[in-house]
Amino acid sequence: MNTPPHNGPINPMPPYIVALFLVLVGIEAVLSLADRGIIGGAMGVGWRMSALEEYGFSPRVFWWMFENGIFPPEHLKRFVSYAFVHGTFTHALFAGVFVLALGKMVGEAFGAIATLAVFLVATVCGAVIYAVFVGGDRLLFGAYPGAYGLIGAFTYVLWLRLGQMGEAQVRAFSLIGMLLGIQLVFAVLFSGPKDWVADIGGFVAGFLLSFAVSPGGWTKILNKLRQRSD
């Protein structure tokens, strides 16, 4: 039986994207209430800093693990856990909006497992790129590298559609170009942190991973490899 079309004013949101959004916002809600002393009392004021130190991604710790060949679980978790802790309520809100908007569009094209894979792989790759090209002691935190991975997947979808229509595929990169342009301007004018490097890493990871995890992706790759070998 065919699923009847949705005629409501708002298109349904994939439940796994809603769940991801609620986790992000739920953690931030607790930290925001603690910042204001509403929960946790006097100790609650320090919850955010403690969470950042415990779950934020540290380039220094990354290089320590790499150089010593030691990878304890309490530090490996940082490759993912940093995405769920933010600096402020606004920081978390914008990340959540990105996840909702892009997650819905990518989810409709890719499905649940592939969409979540893009978010997680982009999160990990963003952290690695940040450690390699930025380094230092400043912690990386927030869901933006994962959200930019979803932007990369969405760009892949646009890139394919423009190619099928015979139009210039470079237009698919207009969104990421605009977002990175804004970030670079703010970084230059206000000497802000270089978190945008992790965002670029997340975007590239999301775009490249889409070639494999999109519907029929592996089949397309194998066909191209066979054509080259013939």
N, C-alpha and C. Protein backbone atom coordinates (compact mmCIF):
# COMPACT_ATOMS: atom_id res chain seq x y z
N MET A 1 0.83 -1.20 0.00
CA MET A 1 0.00 0.00 0.00
C MET A 1 0.87 1.25 0.00
N ASN A 2 0.46 2.23 -0.76
CA ASN A 2 1.20 3.48 -0.81
C ASN A 2 0.83 4.36 0.37
N THR A 3 1.84 5.06 0.90
CA THR A 3 1.59 5.97 2.01
C THR A 3 0.90 7.22 1.50
N PRO A 4 -0.23 7.63 2.10
CA PRO A 4 -0.94 8.80 1.60
C PRO A 4 -0.10 10.05 1.78
N PRO A 5 -0.22 11.01 0.87
CA PRO A 5 0.57 12.23 0.97
C PRO A 5 0.19 13.03 2.19
N HIS A 6 1.18 13.75 2.73
CA HIS A 6 0.95 14.58 3.90
C HIS A 6 0.38 15.91 3.46
N ASN A 7 -0.80 16.25 4.00
CA ASN A 7 -1.47 17.48 3.59
C ASN A 7 -1.49 18.54 4.68
N GLY A 8 -0.79 18.31 5.78
CA GLY A 8 -0.77 19.27 6.87
C GLY A 8 0.05 20.49 6.53
N PRO A 9 -0.07 21.56 7.34
CA PRO A 9 0.67 22.79 7.07
C PRO A 9 2.17 22.66 7.30
N ILE A 10 2.58 21.67 8.13
CA ILE A 10 3.99 21.46 8.44
C ILE A 10 4.36 20.03 8.09
N ASN A 11 5.41 19.87 7.29
CA ASN A 11 5.86 18.54 6.93
C ASN A 11 6.43 17.82 8.16
N PRO A 12 6.18 16.52 8.29
CA PRO A 12 6.67 15.80 9.47
C PRO A 12 8.19 15.77 9.51
N MET A 13 8.73 15.89 10.71
CA MET A 13 10.17 15.85 10.91
C MET A 13 10.59 14.43 11.24
N PRO A 14 11.69 13.93 10.65
CA PRO A 14 12.14 12.58 10.99
C PRO A 14 12.36 12.44 12.49
N PRO A 15 11.85 11.38 13.11
CA PRO A 15 11.95 11.24 14.57
C PRO A 15 13.38 11.21 15.08
N TYR A 16 14.32 10.63 14.33
CA TYR A 16 15.70 10.56 14.80
C TYR A 16 16.35 11.95 14.79
N ILE A 17 15.92 12.83 13.89
CA ILE A 17 16.42 14.20 13.89
C ILE A 17 15.83 14.97 15.07
N VAL A 18 14.56 14.74 15.33
CA VAL A 18 13.92 15.36 16.50
C VAL A 18 14.63 14.90 17.78
N ALA A 19 14.94 13.61 17.86
CA ALA A 19 15.62 13.07 19.05
C ALA A 19 16.99 13.72 19.22
N LEU A 20 17.74 13.86 18.12
CA LEU A 20 19.05 14.50 18.18
C LEU A 20 18.93 15.94 18.64
N PHE A 21 17.95 16.65 18.10
CA PHE A 21 17.71 18.04 18.49
C PHE A 21 17.36 18.13 19.98
N LEU A 22 16.50 17.23 20.46
CA LEU A 22 16.09 17.28 21.85
C LEU A 22 17.25 16.99 22.79
N VAL A 23 18.16 16.11 22.39
CA VAL A 23 19.34 15.84 23.21
C VAL A 23 20.19 17.10 23.32
N LEU A 24 20.44 17.75 22.16
CA LEU A 24 21.24 18.98 22.15
C LEU A 24 20.60 20.05 23.03
N VAL A 25 19.31 20.28 22.81
CA VAL A 25 18.61 21.34 23.54
C VAL A 25 18.43 20.96 25.01
N GLY A 26 18.19 19.68 25.28
CA GLY A 26 17.99 19.24 26.66
C GLY A 26 19.23 19.46 27.51
N ILE A 27 20.39 19.10 26.98
CA ILE A 27 21.64 19.32 27.70
C ILE A 27 21.86 20.81 27.94
N GLU A 28 21.62 21.61 26.91
CA GLU A 28 21.80 23.06 27.05
C GLU A 28 20.81 23.65 28.05
N ALA A 29 19.59 23.14 28.07
CA ALA A 29 18.60 23.64 29.02
C ALA A 29 19.07 23.44 30.46
N VAL A 30 19.62 22.26 30.73
CA VAL A 30 20.13 21.98 32.07
C VAL A 30 21.27 22.92 32.43
N LEU A 31 22.21 23.10 31.49
CA LEU A 31 23.36 23.97 31.76
C LEU A 31 22.95 25.42 31.90
N SER A 32 21.98 25.86 31.08
CA SER A 32 21.52 27.24 31.17
C SER A 32 20.83 27.51 32.50
N LEU A 33 20.01 26.57 32.95
CA LEU A 33 19.34 26.73 34.24
C LEU A 33 20.36 26.72 35.38
N ALA A 34 21.40 25.90 35.23
CA ALA A 34 22.45 25.86 36.25
C ALA A 34 23.23 27.16 36.27
N ASP A 35 23.48 27.74 35.08
CA ASP A 35 24.20 29.02 35.02
C ASP A 35 23.48 30.10 35.82
N ARG A 36 22.17 30.04 35.84
CA ARG A 36 21.35 31.04 36.53
C ARG A 36 21.04 30.66 37.97
N GLY A 37 21.61 29.55 38.42
CA GLY A 37 21.40 29.13 39.79
C GLY A 37 20.03 28.56 40.08
N ILE A 38 19.25 28.27 39.02
CA ILE A 38 17.91 27.74 39.22
C ILE A 38 17.96 26.29 39.65
N ILE A 39 18.92 25.54 39.12
CA ILE A 39 19.13 24.17 39.56
C ILE A 39 20.60 24.01 39.94
N GLY A 40 20.86 23.09 40.83
CA GLY A 40 22.24 22.81 41.22
C GLY A 40 22.80 23.71 42.29
N GLY A 41 22.07 24.77 42.63
CA GLY A 41 22.54 25.67 43.67
C GLY A 41 23.85 26.35 43.30
N ALA A 42 24.70 26.58 44.28
CA ALA A 42 25.98 27.26 44.04
C ALA A 42 26.90 26.41 43.18
N MET A 43 26.79 25.09 43.29
CA MET A 43 27.63 24.20 42.50
C MET A 43 27.21 24.21 41.03
N GLY A 44 25.94 24.48 40.76
CA GLY A 44 25.44 24.44 39.39
C GLY A 44 26.07 25.46 38.48
N VAL A 45 26.54 26.57 39.05
CA VAL A 45 27.14 27.62 38.24
C VAL A 45 28.38 27.10 37.50
N GLY A 46 29.05 26.12 38.06
CA GLY A 46 30.25 25.59 37.43
C GLY A 46 30.02 24.37 36.56
N TRP A 47 28.76 23.98 36.39
CA TRP A 47 28.48 22.77 35.61
C TRP A 47 28.95 22.89 34.17
N ARG A 48 28.72 24.06 33.55
CA ARG A 48 29.10 24.20 32.14
C ARG A 48 30.61 24.05 31.96
N MET A 49 31.38 24.73 32.81
CA MET A 49 32.82 24.62 32.70
C MET A 49 33.29 23.20 32.93
N SER A 50 32.68 22.53 33.89
CA SER A 50 33.05 21.13 34.15
C SER A 50 32.72 20.24 32.96
N ALA A 51 31.55 20.50 32.34
CA ALA A 51 31.14 19.71 31.17
C ALA A 51 32.10 19.94 30.00
N LEU A 52 32.51 21.18 29.81
CA LEU A 52 33.44 21.48 28.72
C LEU A 52 34.78 20.79 28.95
N GLU A 53 35.26 20.80 30.19
CA GLU A 53 36.54 20.17 30.49
C GLU A 53 36.45 18.65 30.37
N GLU A 54 35.29 18.09 30.70
CA GLU A 54 35.13 16.64 30.69
C GLU A 54 34.82 16.10 29.29
N TYR A 55 34.03 16.85 28.50
CA TYR A 55 33.55 16.34 27.22
C TYR A 55 34.04 17.11 26.00
N GLY A 56 34.64 18.27 26.20
CA GLY A 56 35.14 19.03 25.06
C GLY A 56 36.33 18.33 24.42
N PHE A 57 36.55 18.63 23.14
CA PHE A 57 37.66 18.01 22.41
C PHE A 57 38.92 18.85 22.59
N SER A 58 39.99 18.20 23.04
CA SER A 58 41.25 18.88 23.32
C SER A 58 42.31 18.48 22.30
N PRO A 59 42.80 19.41 21.48
CA PRO A 59 43.89 19.08 20.56
C PRO A 59 45.13 18.56 21.29
N ARG A 60 45.41 19.12 22.46
CA ARG A 60 46.59 18.67 23.21
C ARG A 60 46.44 17.20 23.62
N VAL A 61 45.26 16.81 24.06
CA VAL A 61 45.02 15.42 24.43
C VAL A 61 45.10 14.53 23.19
N PHE A 62 44.61 15.03 22.06
CA PHE A 62 44.67 14.27 20.80
C PHE A 62 46.11 13.93 20.45
N TRP A 63 46.99 14.93 20.50
CA TRP A 63 48.38 14.70 20.14
C TRP A 63 49.09 13.84 21.17
N TRP A 64 48.70 13.95 22.44
CA TRP A 64 49.28 13.09 23.47
C TRP A 64 48.94 11.63 23.17
N MET A 65 47.69 11.36 22.81
CA MET A 65 47.29 9.99 22.47
C MET A 65 48.03 9.51 21.24
N PHE A 66 48.13 10.37 20.23
CA PHE A 66 48.77 9.99 18.97
C PHE A 66 50.26 9.70 19.17
N GLU A 67 50.95 10.53 19.92
CA GLU A 67 52.39 10.38 20.10
C GLU A 67 52.74 9.19 21.00
N ASN A 68 51.87 8.87 21.96
CA ASN A 68 52.16 7.79 22.91
C ASN A 68 51.48 6.48 22.54
N GLY A 69 50.59 6.52 21.55
CA GLY A 69 49.91 5.30 21.16
C GLY A 69 48.97 4.77 22.23
N ILE A 70 48.48 5.67 23.06
CA ILE A 70 47.56 5.30 24.14
C ILE A 70 46.23 5.99 23.87
N PHE A 71 45.14 5.21 23.88
CA PHE A 71 43.83 5.75 23.51
C PHE A 71 42.78 5.36 24.56
N PRO A 72 42.83 5.98 25.73
CA PRO A 72 41.86 5.64 26.79
C PRO A 72 40.45 6.06 26.40
N PRO A 73 39.45 5.27 26.79
CA PRO A 73 38.06 5.56 26.43
C PRO A 73 37.60 6.94 26.89
N GLU A 74 38.09 7.40 28.05
CA GLU A 74 37.63 8.70 28.55
C GLU A 74 38.07 9.86 27.67
N HIS A 75 39.07 9.62 26.83
CA HIS A 75 39.49 10.65 25.89
C HIS A 75 38.95 10.39 24.48
N LEU A 76 38.79 9.13 24.12
CA LEU A 76 38.22 8.81 22.80
C LEU A 76 36.79 9.33 22.69
N LYS A 77 36.06 9.35 23.79
CA LYS A 77 34.68 9.82 23.75
C LYS A 77 34.59 11.28 23.33
N ARG A 78 35.67 12.03 23.53
CA ARG A 78 35.66 13.45 23.22
C ARG A 78 35.47 13.73 21.73
N PHE A 79 35.84 12.76 20.87
CA PHE A 79 35.68 12.94 19.43
C PHE A 79 34.22 13.14 19.05
N VAL A 80 33.31 12.66 19.90
CA VAL A 80 31.87 12.80 19.64
C VAL A 80 31.19 13.66 20.70
N SER A 81 31.59 13.48 21.95
CA SER A 81 30.88 14.14 23.05
C SER A 81 30.95 15.67 22.99
N TYR A 82 32.00 16.20 22.37
CA TYR A 82 32.13 17.67 22.31
C TYR A 82 30.96 18.31 21.58
N ALA A 83 30.31 17.55 20.68
CA ALA A 83 29.21 18.11 19.89
C ALA A 83 27.98 18.39 20.74
N PHE A 84 27.90 17.84 21.93
CA PHE A 84 26.69 17.96 22.74
C PHE A 84 26.83 18.96 23.89
N VAL A 85 27.95 19.68 23.91
CA VAL A 85 28.15 20.72 24.92
C VAL A 85 28.44 22.03 24.20
N HIS A 86 27.75 23.10 24.59
CA HIS A 86 27.91 24.39 23.92
C HIS A 86 28.31 25.47 24.91
N GLY A 87 28.76 26.59 24.36
CA GLY A 87 29.24 27.67 25.22
C GLY A 87 28.14 28.52 25.80
N THR A 88 27.07 28.72 25.04
CA THR A 88 25.94 29.54 25.47
C THR A 88 24.65 28.96 24.92
N PHE A 89 23.53 29.49 25.40
CA PHE A 89 22.23 29.06 24.90
C PHE A 89 22.09 29.38 23.41
N THR A 90 22.52 30.58 23.00
CA THR A 90 22.44 30.98 21.59
C THR A 90 23.28 30.06 20.71
N HIS A 91 24.46 29.72 21.19
CA HIS A 91 25.36 28.81 20.48
C HIS A 91 24.66 27.48 20.20
N ALA A 92 23.98 26.95 21.23
CA ALA A 92 23.28 25.67 21.08
C ALA A 92 22.04 25.81 20.22
N LEU A 93 21.33 26.94 20.35
CA LEU A 93 20.09 27.13 19.59
C LEU A 93 20.35 27.13 18.09
N PHE A 94 21.35 27.88 17.65
CA PHE A 94 21.64 27.93 16.21
C PHE A 94 22.11 26.58 15.70
N ALA A 95 22.90 25.87 16.50
CA ALA A 95 23.33 24.53 16.09
C ALA A 95 22.13 23.61 15.94
N GLY A 96 21.19 23.70 16.90
CA GLY A 96 20.00 22.88 16.83
C GLY A 96 19.14 23.18 15.62
N VAL A 97 19.04 24.46 15.27
CA VAL A 97 18.26 24.85 14.09
C VAL A 97 18.89 24.28 12.83
N PHE A 98 20.22 24.35 12.74
CA PHE A 98 20.92 23.77 11.60
C PHE A 98 20.63 22.27 11.49
N VAL A 99 20.71 21.59 12.63
CA VAL A 99 20.49 20.14 12.63
C VAL A 99 19.07 19.81 12.20
N LEU A 100 18.08 20.56 12.69
CA LEU A 100 16.70 20.32 12.31
C LEU A 100 16.48 20.54 10.81
N ALA A 101 16.91 21.69 10.32
CA ALA A 101 16.65 22.04 8.92
C ALA A 101 17.38 21.13 7.96
N LEU A 102 18.69 20.98 8.16
CA LEU A 102 19.48 20.17 7.23
C LEU A 102 19.22 18.69 7.44
N GLY A 103 19.00 18.28 8.70
CA GLY A 103 18.73 16.88 8.97
C GLY A 103 17.46 16.41 8.30
N LYS A 104 16.44 17.26 8.26
CA LYS A 104 15.19 16.89 7.60
C LYS A 104 15.41 16.69 6.10
N MET A 105 16.10 17.63 5.47
CA MET A 105 16.30 17.55 4.02
C MET A 105 17.20 16.38 3.64
N VAL A 106 18.28 16.18 4.40
CA VAL A 106 19.18 15.07 4.10
C VAL A 106 18.50 13.74 4.43
N GLY A 107 17.75 13.71 5.53
CA GLY A 107 17.07 12.48 5.92
C GLY A 107 16.07 12.01 4.88
N GLU A 108 15.38 12.95 4.25
CA GLU A 108 14.41 12.57 3.22
C GLU A 108 15.09 11.96 2.01
N ALA A 109 16.34 12.34 1.76
CA ALA A 109 17.07 11.82 0.61
C ALA A 109 17.90 10.57 0.95
N PHE A 110 18.43 10.50 2.18
CA PHE A 110 19.38 9.45 2.54
C PHE A 110 18.78 8.35 3.41
N GLY A 111 17.85 8.69 4.28
CA GLY A 111 17.36 7.75 5.27
C GLY A 111 18.05 7.95 6.62
N ALA A 112 17.58 7.24 7.63
CA ALA A 112 18.01 7.48 9.00
C ALA A 112 19.48 7.13 9.25
N ILE A 113 19.88 5.91 8.91
CA ILE A 113 21.23 5.45 9.24
C ILE A 113 22.28 6.30 8.53
N ALA A 114 22.08 6.57 7.25
CA ALA A 114 23.05 7.34 6.49
C ALA A 114 23.14 8.77 7.02
N THR A 115 22.01 9.36 7.38
CA THR A 115 22.02 10.74 7.87
C THR A 115 22.76 10.84 9.19
N LEU A 116 22.48 9.93 10.12
CA LEU A 116 23.18 9.94 11.40
C LEU A 116 24.66 9.63 11.22
N ALA A 117 24.98 8.76 10.25
CA ALA A 117 26.40 8.46 9.97
C ALA A 117 27.13 9.70 9.50
N VAL A 118 26.48 10.48 8.64
CA VAL A 118 27.08 11.72 8.16
C VAL A 118 27.37 12.66 9.33
N PHE A 119 26.39 12.81 10.22
CA PHE A 119 26.56 13.72 11.37
C PHE A 119 27.73 13.26 12.25
N LEU A 120 27.78 11.97 12.57
CA LEU A 120 28.81 11.45 13.47
C LEU A 120 30.20 11.48 12.83
N VAL A 121 30.30 11.05 11.59
CA VAL A 121 31.61 11.04 10.91
C VAL A 121 32.11 12.47 10.73
N ALA A 122 31.24 13.39 10.38
CA ALA A 122 31.64 14.79 10.23
C ALA A 122 32.09 15.37 11.57
N THR A 123 31.44 14.96 12.65
CA THR A 123 31.84 15.41 13.99
C THR A 123 33.25 14.94 14.31
N VAL A 124 33.53 13.68 14.05
CA VAL A 124 34.86 13.13 14.32
C VAL A 124 35.91 13.77 13.42
N CYS A 125 35.62 13.87 12.13
CA CYS A 125 36.58 14.45 11.18
C CYS A 125 36.84 15.93 11.48
N GLY A 126 35.80 16.65 11.88
CA GLY A 126 35.99 18.04 12.24
C GLY A 126 36.95 18.20 13.39
N ALA A 127 36.86 17.31 14.38
CA ALA A 127 37.77 17.35 15.52
C ALA A 127 39.20 17.08 15.10
N VAL A 128 39.39 16.06 14.26
CA VAL A 128 40.74 15.72 13.80
C VAL A 128 41.35 16.87 13.01
N ILE A 129 40.58 17.46 12.10
CA ILE A 129 41.07 18.59 11.30
C ILE A 129 41.43 19.76 12.20
N TYR A 130 40.62 20.00 13.22
CA TYR A 130 40.89 21.08 14.17
C TYR A 130 42.21 20.84 14.91
N ALA A 131 42.44 19.61 15.34
CA ALA A 131 43.67 19.28 16.06
C ALA A 131 44.89 19.43 15.16
N VAL A 132 44.77 19.04 13.90
CA VAL A 132 45.90 19.06 12.98
C VAL A 132 46.25 20.48 12.54
N PHE A 133 45.25 21.27 12.21
CA PHE A 133 45.51 22.59 11.61
C PHE A 133 45.43 23.75 12.59
N VAL A 134 44.84 23.54 13.75
CA VAL A 134 44.74 24.61 14.75
C VAL A 134 45.56 24.27 15.98
N GLY A 135 45.30 23.10 16.56
CA GLY A 135 46.05 22.68 17.73
C GLY A 135 45.86 23.61 18.91
N GLY A 136 46.86 23.67 19.76
CA GLY A 136 46.81 24.56 20.90
C GLY A 136 46.01 23.98 22.06
N ASP A 137 45.63 24.87 22.97
CA ASP A 137 44.95 24.43 24.18
C ASP A 137 43.46 24.70 24.17
N ARG A 138 42.97 25.46 23.19
CA ARG A 138 41.56 25.82 23.22
C ARG A 138 40.69 24.62 22.86
N LEU A 139 39.71 24.36 23.71
CA LEU A 139 38.82 23.23 23.49
C LEU A 139 37.87 23.50 22.33
N LEU A 140 37.53 22.45 21.61
CA LEU A 140 36.51 22.51 20.57
C LEU A 140 35.22 21.96 21.16
N PHE A 141 34.11 22.67 20.97
CA PHE A 141 32.83 22.20 21.48
C PHE A 141 31.70 22.74 20.60
N GLY A 142 30.57 22.05 20.64
CA GLY A 142 29.42 22.45 19.85
C GLY A 142 29.18 21.53 18.66
N ALA A 143 27.93 21.50 18.19
CA ALA A 143 27.50 20.57 17.15
C ALA A 143 27.73 21.08 15.73
N TYR A 144 28.44 22.19 15.57
CA TYR A 144 28.56 22.78 14.25
C TYR A 144 29.32 21.91 13.23
N PRO A 145 30.43 21.26 13.58
CA PRO A 145 31.06 20.38 12.58
C PRO A 145 30.12 19.30 12.07
N GLY A 146 29.32 18.70 12.97
CA GLY A 146 28.34 17.72 12.53
C GLY A 146 27.26 18.33 11.67
N ALA A 147 26.80 19.54 12.06
CA ALA A 147 25.79 20.24 11.26
C ALA A 147 26.34 20.60 9.88
N TYR A 148 27.60 21.00 9.83
CA TYR A 148 28.22 21.30 8.54
C TYR A 148 28.39 20.03 7.71
N GLY A 149 28.51 18.89 8.38
CA GLY A 149 28.52 17.63 7.64
C GLY A 149 27.19 17.42 6.94
N LEU A 150 26.09 17.78 7.61
CA LEU A 150 24.77 17.69 6.98
C LEU A 150 24.66 18.69 5.82
N ILE A 151 25.29 19.85 5.97
CA ILE A 151 25.33 20.81 4.86
C ILE A 151 26.08 20.19 3.68
N GLY A 152 27.17 19.47 3.99
CA GLY A 152 27.91 18.79 2.93
C GLY A 152 27.07 17.76 2.21
N ALA A 153 26.27 16.99 2.96
CA ALA A 153 25.39 16.00 2.35
C ALA A 153 24.31 16.67 1.52
N PHE A 154 23.76 17.77 2.03
CA PHE A 154 22.74 18.51 1.28
C PHE A 154 23.34 19.10 0.00
N THR A 155 24.58 19.57 0.09
CA THR A 155 25.27 20.07 -1.09
C THR A 155 25.44 18.97 -2.13
N TYR A 156 25.73 17.76 -1.66
CA TYR A 156 25.87 16.62 -2.57
C TYR A 156 24.56 16.36 -3.32
N VAL A 157 23.43 16.44 -2.59
CA VAL A 157 22.12 16.23 -3.22
C VAL A 157 21.88 17.29 -4.29
N LEU A 158 22.15 18.55 -3.96
CA LEU A 158 21.98 19.63 -4.94
C LEU A 158 22.91 19.44 -6.13
N TRP A 159 24.13 19.03 -5.84
CA TRP A 159 25.14 18.82 -6.89
C TRP A 159 24.67 17.77 -7.89
N LEU A 160 24.09 16.70 -7.38
CA LEU A 160 23.57 15.65 -8.26
C LEU A 160 22.40 16.16 -9.09
N ARG A 161 21.47 16.86 -8.45
CA ARG A 161 20.28 17.33 -9.15
C ARG A 161 20.64 18.34 -10.23
N LEU A 162 21.57 19.23 -9.94
CA LEU A 162 21.98 20.22 -10.93
C LEU A 162 22.65 19.52 -12.12
N GLY A 163 23.43 18.47 -11.82
CA GLY A 163 24.06 17.73 -12.91
C GLY A 163 23.04 17.02 -13.77
N GLN A 164 22.00 16.47 -13.14
CA GLN A 164 20.94 15.80 -13.91
C GLN A 164 20.16 16.77 -14.78
N MET A 165 20.06 18.02 -14.33
CA MET A 165 19.33 19.04 -15.09
C MET A 165 20.22 19.74 -16.11
N GLY A 166 21.50 19.38 -16.11
CA GLY A 166 22.43 19.99 -17.06
C GLY A 166 22.83 21.40 -16.70
N GLU A 167 22.69 21.77 -15.43
CA GLU A 167 23.06 23.12 -15.00
C GLU A 167 24.41 23.10 -14.30
N ALA A 168 24.94 24.28 -14.05
CA ALA A 168 26.26 24.40 -13.43
C ALA A 168 26.23 23.84 -12.02
N GLN A 169 26.97 22.77 -11.77
CA GLN A 169 26.95 22.13 -10.47
C GLN A 169 27.64 22.94 -9.39
N VAL A 170 28.46 23.89 -9.79
CA VAL A 170 29.15 24.73 -8.80
C VAL A 170 28.16 25.53 -7.97
N ARG A 171 26.95 25.73 -8.48
CA ARG A 171 25.94 26.47 -7.74
C ARG A 171 25.55 25.76 -6.45
N ALA A 172 25.78 24.46 -6.38
CA ALA A 172 25.44 23.70 -5.18
C ALA A 172 26.26 24.15 -3.98
N PHE A 173 27.40 24.79 -4.23
CA PHE A 173 28.29 25.19 -3.15
C PHE A 173 28.06 26.63 -2.69
N SER A 174 26.99 27.24 -3.15
CA SER A 174 26.72 28.63 -2.79
C SER A 174 26.41 28.78 -1.30
N LEU A 175 25.68 27.82 -0.72
CA LEU A 175 25.32 27.90 0.70
C LEU A 175 26.56 27.84 1.58
N ILE A 176 27.42 26.85 1.36
CA ILE A 176 28.61 26.72 2.18
C ILE A 176 29.53 27.91 1.95
N GLY A 177 29.59 28.41 0.73
CA GLY A 177 30.42 29.58 0.45
C GLY A 177 29.96 30.79 1.24
N MET A 178 28.65 31.00 1.31
CA MET A 178 28.11 32.14 2.05
C MET A 178 28.38 31.99 3.54
N LEU A 179 28.14 30.80 4.10
CA LEU A 179 28.32 30.58 5.53
C LEU A 179 29.79 30.74 5.94
N LEU A 180 30.69 30.17 5.17
CA LEU A 180 32.10 30.28 5.51
C LEU A 180 32.59 31.71 5.31
N GLY A 181 32.05 32.39 4.32
CA GLY A 181 32.41 33.79 4.12
C GLY A 181 32.06 34.63 5.33
N ILE A 182 30.87 34.41 5.88
CA ILE A 182 30.44 35.14 7.07
C ILE A 182 31.36 34.82 8.25
N GLN A 183 31.68 33.55 8.41
CA GLN A 183 32.54 33.16 9.52
C GLN A 183 33.93 33.77 9.40
N LEU A 184 34.47 33.79 8.20
CA LEU A 184 35.80 34.34 8.00
C LEU A 184 35.83 35.84 8.28
N VAL A 185 34.77 36.54 7.88
CA VAL A 185 34.69 37.98 8.14
C VAL A 185 34.69 38.24 9.64
N PHE A 186 33.88 37.48 10.39
CA PHE A 186 33.83 37.66 11.84
C PHE A 186 35.16 37.30 12.47
N ALA A 187 35.82 36.25 11.97
CA ALA A 187 37.10 35.84 12.53
C ALA A 187 38.16 36.92 12.33
N VAL A 188 38.14 37.59 11.15
CA VAL A 188 39.12 38.63 10.86
C VAL A 188 38.82 39.89 11.66
N LEU A 189 37.56 40.31 11.70
CA LEU A 189 37.18 41.55 12.37
C LEU A 189 37.30 41.47 13.88
N PHE A 190 36.96 40.32 14.45
CA PHE A 190 36.90 40.20 15.91
C PHE A 190 37.94 39.25 16.47
N SER A 191 38.85 38.77 15.63
CA SER A 191 39.91 37.85 16.08
C SER A 191 39.33 36.69 16.89
N GLY A 192 38.26 36.12 16.37
CA GLY A 192 37.58 35.04 17.07
C GLY A 192 38.34 33.73 16.97
N PRO A 193 37.82 32.70 17.62
CA PRO A 193 38.45 31.37 17.58
C PRO A 193 38.38 30.78 16.18
N LYS A 194 39.22 29.79 15.95
CA LYS A 194 39.30 29.18 14.63
C LYS A 194 38.46 27.90 14.54
N ASP A 195 37.29 27.92 15.17
CA ASP A 195 36.41 26.77 15.10
C ASP A 195 35.94 26.49 13.68
N TRP A 196 35.98 27.52 12.83
CA TRP A 196 35.53 27.36 11.45
C TRP A 196 36.36 26.32 10.70
N VAL A 197 37.59 26.09 11.16
CA VAL A 197 38.42 25.06 10.53
C VAL A 197 37.77 23.68 10.72
N ALA A 198 37.24 23.44 11.92
CA ALA A 198 36.53 22.18 12.17
C ALA A 198 35.26 22.10 11.34
N ASP A 199 34.59 23.25 11.15
CA ASP A 199 33.38 23.26 10.33
C ASP A 199 33.68 22.87 8.89
N ILE A 200 34.79 23.39 8.36
CA ILE A 200 35.19 23.02 7.00
C ILE A 200 35.47 21.51 6.93
N GLY A 201 36.16 21.00 7.93
CA GLY A 201 36.44 19.56 7.97
C GLY A 201 35.16 18.75 8.00
N GLY A 202 34.18 19.21 8.78
CA GLY A 202 32.90 18.52 8.83
C GLY A 202 32.18 18.56 7.50
N PHE A 203 32.22 19.72 6.84
CA PHE A 203 31.56 19.85 5.54
C PHE A 203 32.18 18.90 4.50
N VAL A 204 33.50 18.91 4.42
CA VAL A 204 34.19 18.06 3.44
C VAL A 204 33.89 16.59 3.72
N ALA A 205 33.92 16.21 5.00
CA ALA A 205 33.63 14.81 5.36
C ALA A 205 32.20 14.44 4.96
N GLY A 206 31.25 15.33 5.25
CA GLY A 206 29.86 15.05 4.90
C GLY A 206 29.65 14.93 3.41
N PHE A 207 30.30 15.80 2.66
CA PHE A 207 30.14 15.77 1.19
C PHE A 207 30.74 14.48 0.62
N LEU A 208 31.96 14.15 1.03
CA LEU A 208 32.62 12.97 0.48
C LEU A 208 31.94 11.69 0.93
N LEU A 209 31.51 11.62 2.18
CA LEU A 209 30.85 10.42 2.67
C LEU A 209 29.54 10.17 1.93
N SER A 210 28.91 11.23 1.44
CA SER A 210 27.64 11.09 0.74
C SER A 210 27.77 10.24 -0.52
N PHE A 211 28.94 10.23 -1.12
CA PHE A 211 29.15 9.40 -2.31
C PHE A 211 28.96 7.92 -1.99
N ALA A 212 29.24 7.55 -0.73
CA ALA A 212 29.14 6.14 -0.33
C ALA A 212 27.81 5.80 0.34
N VAL A 213 27.28 6.71 1.19
CA VAL A 213 26.12 6.36 1.99
C VAL A 213 24.79 6.78 1.37
N SER A 214 24.83 7.58 0.32
CA SER A 214 23.58 7.94 -0.34
C SER A 214 23.00 6.71 -1.02
N PRO A 215 21.69 6.69 -1.26
CA PRO A 215 21.06 5.53 -1.90
C PRO A 215 21.74 5.16 -3.22
N GLY A 216 22.22 3.92 -3.29
CA GLY A 216 22.92 3.46 -4.49
C GLY A 216 24.34 3.97 -4.60
N GLY A 217 24.85 4.59 -3.52
CA GLY A 217 26.18 5.20 -3.57
C GLY A 217 27.29 4.22 -3.84
N TRP A 218 27.29 3.10 -3.08
CA TRP A 218 28.35 2.10 -3.28
C TRP A 218 28.28 1.48 -4.66
N THR A 219 27.06 1.28 -5.16
CA THR A 219 26.91 0.70 -6.50
C THR A 219 27.50 1.62 -7.55
N LYS A 220 27.27 2.93 -7.41
CA LYS A 220 27.83 3.88 -8.36
C LYS A 220 29.35 3.87 -8.32
N ILE A 221 29.90 3.82 -7.11
CA ILE A 221 31.36 3.81 -6.97
C ILE A 221 31.96 2.56 -7.59
N LEU A 222 31.35 1.39 -7.32
CA LEU A 222 31.86 0.13 -7.86
C LEU A 222 31.76 0.12 -9.39
N ASN A 223 30.68 0.65 -9.93
CA ASN A 223 30.52 0.70 -11.39
C ASN A 223 31.60 1.56 -12.02
N LYS A 224 31.91 2.70 -11.39
CA LYS A 224 32.95 3.57 -11.93
C LYS A 224 34.32 2.89 -11.87
N LEU A 225 34.58 2.16 -10.76
CA LEU A 225 35.86 1.46 -10.65
C LEU A 225 35.97 0.36 -11.70
N ARG A 226 34.86 -0.34 -11.98
CA ARG A 226 34.88 -1.38 -12.98
C ARG A 226 35.09 -0.81 -14.37
N GLN A 227 34.49 0.37 -14.63
CA GLN A 227 34.66 1.01 -15.93
C GLN A 227 36.12 1.41 -16.15
N ARG A 228 36.78 1.85 -15.09
CA ARG A 228 38.18 2.25 -15.22
C ARG A 228 39.10 1.06 -15.42
N SER A 229 38.72 -0.09 -14.80
CA SER A 229 39.55 -1.29 -14.92
C SER A 229 39.38 -1.99 -16.26
N ASP A 230 38.24 -1.72 -16.94
CA ASP A 230 38.00 -2.38 -18.24
C ASP A 230 38.86 -1.74 -19.34
